[in-house]
Amino acid sequence: MTRMLGNPPPAPQPTLAASARSLTKTYGRGDTEVHALRGVDLDLPRGRFTAIMGPSGSGKSTLMHCLAGLDQASGGTVTVAGTELGALDDDTLTTFRRKHVGFVFQSFNLLPMLTAEQNILLPLELDGARIDDATRERARTLAETLGVADRLGHRPAELSGGQQQRVAIARALVTQPDLLFADEPTGNLDSTTSAEVLEHLRRSVRELGQTVVMVTHDRDAASYADDVVTMQDGLIV
């Protein structure tokens, strides 16, 4: 018999951050029925920046919402970090999202009464995590990477739109999620600020190993991604 010496090697990490199989989503019934997704298959590799593009009504936002567990698919499966979302009840899904998924929205969604640092740390506090020196240092490191370290004591009203969005990105990254979803993250920004925010998203992939999925209709924004998925009429084309 051969004996193993030392600790066994760690289990290999899955190469996919998320996947969808035969994903469908239908709204309404009868004459008002709309097929937003029509059997979508998609793999999202870890450590990549993926842009999902398409015109209004193509299904790109519906796909993101289903992948993120914000909306329930009508059929098919979504797997994130090795967990099939359809097998989770509402409470378990909420906890799973909080631990494994980060969100960046077009409208920033920062709490106006909190400082930038408090906004960044908020997801950890909501999850019951202890905010110690190491946690604050992680938040400061993210703020430095995103260029807002000197604004941590300021409230959102004292920040520019680009600074607010970078704080929102830091907030989404502080939980070290398996997936970061960005929904039209530059929609409220001018072209120069948009380029800065997109470069920071790309840096989070390149330097932090983050997996980013961005929904956009903007080809210039999509050019920052490693991979581009184009949707039309509920299908990947």
C-alpha atoms as a PDB file:
ATOM      1  CA  MET A   1       0.000   0.000   0.000  1.00  0.00           C
ATOM      2  CA  THR A   2       1.301   3.453  -0.895  1.00  0.00           C
ATOM      3  CA  ARG A   3       0.936   6.130   1.744  1.00  0.00           C
ATOM      4  CA  MET A   4       0.456   9.786   0.905  1.00  0.00           C
ATOM      5  CA  LEU A   5       2.813  12.109   2.743  1.00  0.00           C
ATOM      6  CA  GLY A   6       1.731  15.595   3.749  1.00  0.00           C
ATOM      7  CA  ASN A   7      -1.548  17.284   2.873  1.00  0.00           C
ATOM      8  CA  PRO A   8      -3.408  16.237  -0.267  1.00  0.00           C
ATOM      9  CA  PRO A   9      -3.324  18.760  -3.101  1.00  0.00           C
ATOM     10  CA  PRO A  10      -6.194  21.255  -3.094  1.00  0.00           C
ATOM     11  CA  ALA A  11      -9.189  20.407  -5.244  1.00  0.00           C
ATOM     12  CA  PRO A  12      -9.012  22.160  -8.614  1.00  0.00           C
ATOM     13  CA  GLN A  13     -11.213  25.223  -8.922  1.00  0.00           C
ATOM     14  CA  PRO A  14     -13.895  25.119 -11.628  1.00  0.00           C
ATOM     15  CA  THR A  15     -12.848  27.013 -14.739  1.00  0.00           C
ATOM     16  CA  LEU A  16     -16.337  28.479 -15.146  1.00  0.00           C
ATOM     17  CA  ALA A  17     -17.669  31.209 -12.902  1.00  0.00           C
ATOM     18  CA  ALA A  18     -21.187  30.596 -14.229  1.00  0.00           C
ATOM     19  CA  SER A  19     -23.084  28.815 -16.966  1.00  0.00           C
ATOM     20  CA  ALA A  20     -26.577  28.720 -18.446  1.00  0.00           C
ATOM     21  CA  ARG A  21     -28.138  25.766 -20.207  1.00  0.00           C
ATOM     22  CA  SER A  22     -31.316  25.884 -22.345  1.00  0.00           C
ATOM     23  CA  LEU A  23     -32.332  29.054 -20.508  1.00  0.00           C
ATOM     24  CA  THR A  24     -35.781  30.428 -21.302  1.00  0.00           C
ATOM     25  CA  LYS A  25     -37.773  33.323 -19.902  1.00  0.00           C
ATOM     26  CA  THR A  26     -41.355  34.126 -20.873  1.00  0.00           C
ATOM     27  CA  TYR A  27     -43.416  37.085 -19.692  1.00  0.00           C
ATOM     28  CA  GLY A  28     -47.201  37.257 -19.939  1.00  0.00           C
ATOM     29  CA  ARG A  29     -49.641  34.760 -21.411  1.00  0.00           C
ATOM     30  CA  GLY A  30     -51.658  34.314 -24.539  1.00  0.00           C
ATOM     31  CA  ASP A  31     -51.657  37.295 -26.881  1.00  0.00           C
ATOM     32  CA  THR A  32     -49.364  39.249 -24.530  1.00  0.00           C
ATOM     33  CA  GLU A  33     -46.747  36.492 -24.237  1.00  0.00           C
ATOM     34  CA  VAL A  34     -43.168  37.664 -24.779  1.00  0.00           C
ATOM     35  CA  HIS A  35     -40.240  35.241 -25.097  1.00  0.00           C
ATOM     36  CA  ALA A  36     -37.341  37.227 -23.659  1.00  0.00           C
ATOM     37  CA  LEU A  37     -34.949  34.237 -23.707  1.00  0.00           C
ATOM     38  CA  ARG A  38     -35.292  31.349 -26.150  1.00  0.00           C
ATOM     39  CA  GLY A  39     -33.008  28.536 -25.018  1.00  0.00           C
ATOM     40  CA  VAL A  40     -29.719  30.298 -24.241  1.00  0.00           C
ATOM     41  CA  ASP A  41     -26.518  28.329 -23.615  1.00  0.00           C
ATOM     42  CA  LEU A  42     -23.622  30.365 -22.202  1.00  0.00           C
ATOM     43  CA  ASP A  43     -20.368  29.723 -20.342  1.00  0.00           C
ATOM     44  CA  LEU A  44     -18.650  32.494 -18.375  1.00  0.00           C
ATOM     45  CA  PRO A  45     -14.962  31.678 -17.716  1.00  0.00           C
ATOM     46  CA  ARG A  46     -13.330  32.697 -14.468  1.00  0.00           C
ATOM     47  CA  GLY A  47     -11.059  35.708 -14.534  1.00  0.00           C
ATOM     48  CA  ARG A  48     -12.487  37.135 -17.761  1.00  0.00           C
ATOM     49  CA  PHE A  49     -14.306  40.334 -18.692  1.00  0.00           C
ATOM     50  CA  THR A  50     -17.396  39.449 -20.745  1.00  0.00           C
ATOM     51  CA  ALA A  51     -19.654  42.014 -22.394  1.00  0.00           C
ATOM     52  CA  ILE A  52     -23.241  41.112 -23.315  1.00  0.00           C
ATOM     53  CA  MET A  53     -24.421  43.350 -26.139  1.00  0.00           C
ATOM     54  CA  GLY A  54     -27.627  43.805 -28.054  1.00  0.00           C
ATOM     55  CA  PRO A  55     -30.338  46.313 -28.936  1.00  0.00           C
ATOM     56  CA  SER A  56     -33.186  47.185 -26.600  1.00  0.00           C
ATOM     57  CA  GLY A  57     -35.470  44.161 -26.234  1.00  0.00           C
ATOM     58  CA  SER A  58     -32.800  41.652 -27.270  1.00  0.00           C
ATOM     59  CA  GLY A  59     -32.877  39.880 -23.889  1.00  0.00           C
ATOM     60  CA  LYS A  60     -29.466  40.968 -22.603  1.00  0.00           C
ATOM     61  CA  SER A  61     -30.756  42.454 -19.334  1.00  0.00           C
ATOM     62  CA  THR A  62     -33.090  39.502 -18.765  1.00  0.00           C
ATOM     63  CA  LEU A  63     -30.144  37.155 -19.246  1.00  0.00           C
ATOM     64  CA  MET A  64     -28.083  39.080 -16.702  1.00  0.00           C
ATOM     65  CA  HIS A  65     -30.930  39.091 -14.172  1.00  0.00           C
ATOM     66  CA  CYS A  66     -31.348  35.320 -14.517  1.00  0.00           C
ATOM     67  CA  LEU A  67     -27.597  34.699 -14.267  1.00  0.00           C
ATOM     68  CA  ALA A  68     -27.427  36.884 -11.159  1.00  0.00           C
ATOM     69  CA  GLY A  69     -30.392  35.221  -9.471  1.00  0.00           C
ATOM     70  CA  LEU A  70     -32.432  38.445  -9.544  1.00  0.00           C
ATOM     71  CA  ASP A  71     -35.077  36.853 -11.771  1.00  0.00           C
ATOM     72  CA  GLN A  72     -36.247  33.257 -12.045  1.00  0.00           C
ATOM     73  CA  ALA A  73     -35.974  31.593 -15.438  1.00  0.00           C
ATOM     74  CA  SER A  74     -39.009  29.920 -16.979  1.00  0.00           C
ATOM     75  CA  GLY A  75     -36.899  26.922 -18.013  1.00  0.00           C
ATOM     76  CA  GLY A  76     -33.334  25.662 -18.131  1.00  0.00           C
ATOM     77  CA  THR A  77     -30.621  25.980 -15.511  1.00  0.00           C
ATOM     78  CA  VAL A  78     -28.204  28.595 -14.183  1.00  0.00           C
ATOM     79  CA  THR A  79     -25.112  27.509 -12.262  1.00  0.00           C
ATOM     80  CA  VAL A  80     -22.955  30.008 -10.361  1.00  0.00           C
ATOM     81  CA  ALA A  81     -19.834  28.980  -8.433  1.00  0.00           C
ATOM     82  CA  GLY A  82     -20.879  25.349  -8.798  1.00  0.00           C
ATOM     83  CA  THR A  83     -24.373  25.927  -7.353  1.00  0.00           C
ATOM     84  CA  GLU A  84     -27.554  25.561  -9.403  1.00  0.00           C
ATOM     85  CA  LEU A  85     -29.642  28.627  -8.548  1.00  0.00           C
ATOM     86  CA  GLY A  86     -32.977  26.962  -9.318  1.00  0.00           C
ATOM     87  CA  ALA A  87     -32.425  24.522  -6.448  1.00  0.00           C
ATOM     88  CA  LEU A  88     -32.305  27.333  -3.833  1.00  0.00           C
ATOM     89  CA  ASP A  89     -35.272  28.734  -1.942  1.00  0.00           C
ATOM     90  CA  ASP A  90     -35.715  32.518  -1.711  1.00  0.00           C
ATOM     91  CA  ASP A  91     -33.872  32.996   1.589  1.00  0.00           C
ATOM     92  CA  THR A  92     -30.965  30.762   0.591  1.00  0.00           C
ATOM     93  CA  LEU A  93     -30.746  32.493  -2.795  1.00  0.00           C
ATOM     94  CA  THR A  94     -30.595  35.908  -1.132  1.00  0.00           C
ATOM     95  CA  THR A  95     -27.749  34.750   1.111  1.00  0.00           C
ATOM     96  CA  PHE A  96     -25.982  33.152  -1.855  1.00  0.00           C
ATOM     97  CA  ARG A  97     -26.172  36.362  -3.901  1.00  0.00           C
ATOM     98  CA  ARG A  98     -24.812  38.389  -1.007  1.00  0.00           C
ATOM     99  CA  LYS A  99     -21.767  36.114  -0.728  1.00  0.00           C
ATOM    100  CA  HIS A 100     -21.049  35.239  -4.343  1.00  0.00           C
ATOM    101  CA  VAL A 101     -22.398  37.996  -6.599  1.00  0.00           C
ATOM    102  CA  GLY A 102     -21.583  41.706  -6.833  1.00  0.00           C
ATOM    103  CA  PHE A 103     -23.577  44.368  -8.673  1.00  0.00           C
ATOM    104  CA  VAL A 104     -22.759  47.703 -10.278  1.00  0.00           C
ATOM    105  CA  PHE A 105     -25.693  49.690 -11.636  1.00  0.00           C
ATOM    106  CA  GLN A 106     -26.047  52.675 -13.936  1.00  0.00           C
ATOM    107  CA  SER A 107     -27.476  54.811 -11.115  1.00  0.00           C
ATOM    108  CA  PHE A 108     -24.647  54.067  -8.585  1.00  0.00           C
ATOM    109  CA  ASN A 109     -27.150  53.286  -5.736  1.00  0.00           C
ATOM    110  CA  LEU A 110     -24.917  54.675  -2.985  1.00  0.00           C
ATOM    111  CA  LEU A 111     -26.576  55.565   0.329  1.00  0.00           C
ATOM    112  CA  PRO A 112     -26.371  59.380   0.610  1.00  0.00           C
ATOM    113  CA  MET A 113     -26.016  59.503   4.383  1.00  0.00           C
ATOM    114  CA  LEU A 114     -22.941  57.238   4.430  1.00  0.00           C
ATOM    115  CA  THR A 115     -19.358  58.110   3.548  1.00  0.00           C
ATOM    116  CA  ALA A 116     -17.639  56.405   0.629  1.00  0.00           C
ATOM    117  CA  GLU A 117     -15.846  54.049   3.018  1.00  0.00           C
ATOM    118  CA  GLN A 118     -19.083  53.184   4.808  1.00  0.00           C
ATOM    119  CA  ASN A 119     -20.783  52.498   1.465  1.00  0.00           C
ATOM    120  CA  ILE A 120     -17.949  50.184   0.452  1.00  0.00           C
ATOM    121  CA  LEU A 121     -18.133  48.236   3.726  1.00  0.00           C
ATOM    122  CA  LEU A 122     -21.946  48.043   3.749  1.00  0.00           C
ATOM    123  CA  PRO A 123     -22.303  44.589   2.063  1.00  0.00           C
ATOM    124  CA  LEU A 124     -20.014  43.061   4.682  1.00  0.00           C
ATOM    125  CA  GLU A 125     -21.998  44.631   7.517  1.00  0.00           C
ATOM    126  CA  LEU A 126     -25.269  43.389   6.009  1.00  0.00           C
ATOM    127  CA  ASP A 127     -23.758  39.908   5.929  1.00  0.00           C
ATOM    128  CA  GLY A 128     -22.858  40.144   9.606  1.00  0.00           C
ATOM    129  CA  ALA A 129     -19.102  40.256   9.013  1.00  0.00           C
ATOM    130  CA  ARG A 130     -16.843  41.779  11.631  1.00  0.00           C
ATOM    131  CA  ILE A 131     -15.383  45.056  10.382  1.00  0.00           C
ATOM    132  CA  ASP A 132     -11.837  44.861  11.726  1.00  0.00           C
ATOM    133  CA  ASP A 133      -8.557  46.489  10.684  1.00  0.00           C
ATOM    134  CA  ALA A 134      -7.914  43.851   8.025  1.00  0.00           C
ATOM    135  CA  THR A 135     -11.344  44.434   6.504  1.00  0.00           C
ATOM    136  CA  ARG A 136     -10.841  48.201   6.443  1.00  0.00           C
ATOM    137  CA  GLU A 137      -7.439  47.692   4.846  1.00  0.00           C
ATOM    138  CA  ARG A 138      -9.053  45.587   2.110  1.00  0.00           C
ATOM    139  CA  ALA A 139     -11.529  48.401   1.457  1.00  0.00           C
ATOM    140  CA  ARG A 140      -8.708  50.970   1.331  1.00  0.00           C
ATOM    141  CA  THR A 141      -6.698  48.790  -1.068  1.00  0.00           C
ATOM    142  CA  LEU A 142      -9.686  48.569  -3.399  1.00  0.00           C
ATOM    143  CA  ALA A 143     -10.184  52.326  -3.128  1.00  0.00           C
ATOM    144  CA  GLU A 144      -6.526  52.889  -4.034  1.00  0.00           C
ATOM    145  CA  THR A 145      -6.785  50.522  -7.010  1.00  0.00           C
ATOM    146  CA  LEU A 146      -9.887  52.405  -8.193  1.00  0.00           C
ATOM    147  CA  GLY A 147      -8.442  55.861  -7.564  1.00  0.00           C
ATOM    148  CA  VAL A 148     -10.779  57.042  -4.789  1.00  0.00           C
ATOM    149  CA  ALA A 149      -8.631  56.464  -1.696  1.00  0.00           C
ATOM    150  CA  ASP A 150      -8.551  60.202  -1.019  1.00  0.00           C
ATOM    151  CA  ARG A 151     -12.364  60.391  -1.062  1.00  0.00           C
ATOM    152  CA  LEU A 152     -13.210  57.735   1.531  1.00  0.00           C
ATOM    153  CA  GLY A 153     -14.417  60.292   4.085  1.00  0.00           C
ATOM    154  CA  HIS A 154     -16.737  62.044   1.611  1.00  0.00           C
ATOM    155  CA  ARG A 155     -20.444  61.431   1.098  1.00  0.00           C
ATOM    156  CA  PRO A 156     -21.848  60.720  -2.402  1.00  0.00           C
ATOM    157  CA  ALA A 157     -23.065  64.311  -2.895  1.00  0.00           C
ATOM    158  CA  GLU A 158     -19.439  65.431  -2.550  1.00  0.00           C
ATOM    159  CA  LEU A 159     -18.221  63.060  -5.287  1.00  0.00           C
ATOM    160  CA  SER A 160     -18.316  63.314  -9.059  1.00  0.00           C
ATOM    161  CA  GLY A 161     -20.309  60.773 -11.076  1.00  0.00           C
ATOM    162  CA  GLY A 162     -17.159  58.878 -11.974  1.00  0.00           C
ATOM    163  CA  GLN A 163     -16.007  58.800  -8.351  1.00  0.00           C
ATOM    164  CA  GLN A 164     -19.412  57.543  -7.230  1.00  0.00           C
ATOM    165  CA  GLN A 165     -19.290  54.734  -9.788  1.00  0.00           C
ATOM    166  CA  ARG A 166     -15.786  53.746  -8.686  1.00  0.00           C
ATOM    167  CA  VAL A 167     -16.978  53.626  -5.067  1.00  0.00           C
ATOM    168  CA  ALA A 168     -19.860  51.435  -6.266  1.00  0.00           C
ATOM    169  CA  ILE A 169     -17.359  49.111  -7.965  1.00  0.00           C
ATOM    170  CA  ALA A 170     -15.290  48.908  -4.765  1.00  0.00           C
ATOM    171  CA  ARG A 171     -18.472  48.095  -2.828  1.00  0.00           C
ATOM    172  CA  ALA A 172     -19.236  45.285  -5.271  1.00  0.00           C
ATOM    173  CA  LEU A 173     -15.686  43.901  -5.035  1.00  0.00           C
ATOM    174  CA  VAL A 174     -15.205  44.072  -1.261  1.00  0.00           C
ATOM    175  CA  THR A 175     -17.017  40.757  -0.707  1.00  0.00           C
ATOM    176  CA  GLN A 176     -14.669  39.090  -3.244  1.00  0.00           C
ATOM    177  CA  PRO A 177     -17.594  37.763  -5.302  1.00  0.00           C
ATOM    178  CA  ASP A 178     -17.334  34.963  -7.837  1.00  0.00           C
ATOM    179  CA  LEU A 179     -19.127  37.202 -10.332  1.00  0.00           C
ATOM    180  CA  LEU A 180     -19.402  40.956 -10.707  1.00  0.00           C
ATOM    181  CA  PHE A 181     -22.346  42.100 -12.859  1.00  0.00           C
ATOM    182  CA  ALA A 182     -22.275  45.611 -14.303  1.00  0.00           C
ATOM    183  CA  ASP A 183     -25.547  46.828 -15.842  1.00  0.00           C
ATOM    184  CA  GLU A 184     -24.838  49.726 -18.252  1.00  0.00           C
ATOM    185  CA  PRO A 185     -22.254  51.049 -15.734  1.00  0.00           C
ATOM    186  CA  THR A 186     -21.299  54.058 -17.869  1.00  0.00           C
ATOM    187  CA  GLY A 187     -24.817  55.070 -18.916  1.00  0.00           C
ATOM    188  CA  ASN A 188     -24.825  58.220 -16.748  1.00  0.00           C
ATOM    189  CA  LEU A 189     -21.216  59.252 -17.412  1.00  0.00           C
ATOM    190  CA  ASP A 190     -19.474  61.370 -20.024  1.00  0.00           C
ATOM    191  CA  SER A 191     -17.080  59.701 -22.479  1.00  0.00           C
ATOM    192  CA  THR A 192     -13.888  60.536 -20.586  1.00  0.00           C
ATOM    193  CA  THR A 193     -15.235  59.332 -17.235  1.00  0.00           C
ATOM    194  CA  SER A 194     -16.745  56.255 -18.922  1.00  0.00           C
ATOM    195  CA  ALA A 195     -13.327  55.291 -20.246  1.00  0.00           C
ATOM    196  CA  GLU A 196     -11.829  55.632 -16.746  1.00  0.00           C
ATOM    197  CA  VAL A 197     -14.535  53.451 -15.162  1.00  0.00           C
ATOM    198  CA  LEU A 198     -14.200  50.792 -17.869  1.00  0.00           C
ATOM    199  CA  GLU A 199     -10.440  50.753 -17.446  1.00  0.00           C
ATOM    200  CA  HIS A 200     -10.915  50.196 -13.710  1.00  0.00           C
ATOM    201  CA  LEU A 201     -13.263  47.279 -14.408  1.00  0.00           C
ATOM    202  CA  ARG A 202     -10.647  45.815 -16.724  1.00  0.00           C
ATOM    203  CA  ARG A 203      -7.968  46.303 -14.067  1.00  0.00           C
ATOM    204  CA  SER A 204     -10.095  44.416 -11.532  1.00  0.00           C
ATOM    205  CA  VAL A 205      -9.982  41.459 -13.926  1.00  0.00           C
ATOM    206  CA  ARG A 206      -6.307  41.770 -14.792  1.00  0.00           C
ATOM    207  CA  GLU A 207      -4.925  42.617 -11.342  1.00  0.00           C
ATOM    208  CA  LEU A 208      -7.469  41.128  -8.926  1.00  0.00           C
ATOM    209  CA  GLY A 209      -8.528  38.060 -10.939  1.00  0.00           C
ATOM    210  CA  GLN A 210     -12.166  39.178 -10.866  1.00  0.00           C
ATOM    211  CA  THR A 211     -14.806  37.823 -13.238  1.00  0.00           C
ATOM    212  CA  VAL A 212     -16.867  40.666 -14.724  1.00  0.00           C
ATOM    213  CA  VAL A 213     -20.027  40.448 -16.829  1.00  0.00           C
ATOM    214  CA  MET A 214     -21.174  43.755 -18.281  1.00  0.00           C
ATOM    215  CA  VAL A 215     -24.448  44.457 -20.082  1.00  0.00           C
ATOM    216  CA  THR A 216     -24.128  47.297 -22.575  1.00  0.00           C
ATOM    217  CA  HIS A 217     -25.443  48.586 -25.888  1.00  0.00           C
ATOM    218  CA  ASP A 218     -22.249  50.621 -26.410  1.00  0.00           C
ATOM    219  CA  ARG A 219     -19.645  49.114 -28.759  1.00  0.00           C
ATOM    220  CA  ASP A 220     -16.920  51.344 -27.331  1.00  0.00           C
ATOM    221  CA  ALA A 221     -17.658  50.022 -23.839  1.00  0.00           C
ATOM    222  CA  ALA A 222     -17.696  46.428 -25.111  1.00  0.00           C
ATOM    223  CA  SER A 223     -14.240  46.920 -26.620  1.00  0.00           C
ATOM    224  CA  TYR A 224     -12.766  46.836 -23.091  1.00  0.00           C
ATOM    225  CA  ALA A 225     -13.970  43.239 -22.612  1.00  0.00           C
ATOM    226  CA  ASP A 226     -12.074  40.016 -23.291  1.00  0.00           C
ATOM    227  CA  ASP A 227     -15.168  38.381 -24.783  1.00  0.00           C
ATOM    228  CA  VAL A 228     -18.303  39.837 -26.383  1.00  0.00           C
ATOM    229  CA  VAL A 229     -21.645  38.007 -26.498  1.00  0.00           C
ATOM    230  CA  THR A 230     -24.208  39.505 -28.872  1.00  0.00           C
ATOM    231  CA  MET A 231     -27.932  38.919 -28.366  1.00  0.00           C
ATOM    232  CA  GLN A 232     -30.920  39.395 -30.632  1.00  0.00           C
ATOM    233  CA  ASP A 233     -34.544  38.333 -30.107  1.00  0.00           C
ATOM    234  CA  GLY A 234     -33.709  36.303 -27.012  1.00  0.00           C
ATOM    235  CA  LEU A 235     -30.885  34.337 -28.647  1.00  0.00           C
ATOM    236  CA  ILE A 236     -27.102  34.542 -28.755  1.00  0.00           C
ATOM    237  CA  VAL A 237     -26.212  35.282 -32.363  1.00  0.00           C
END
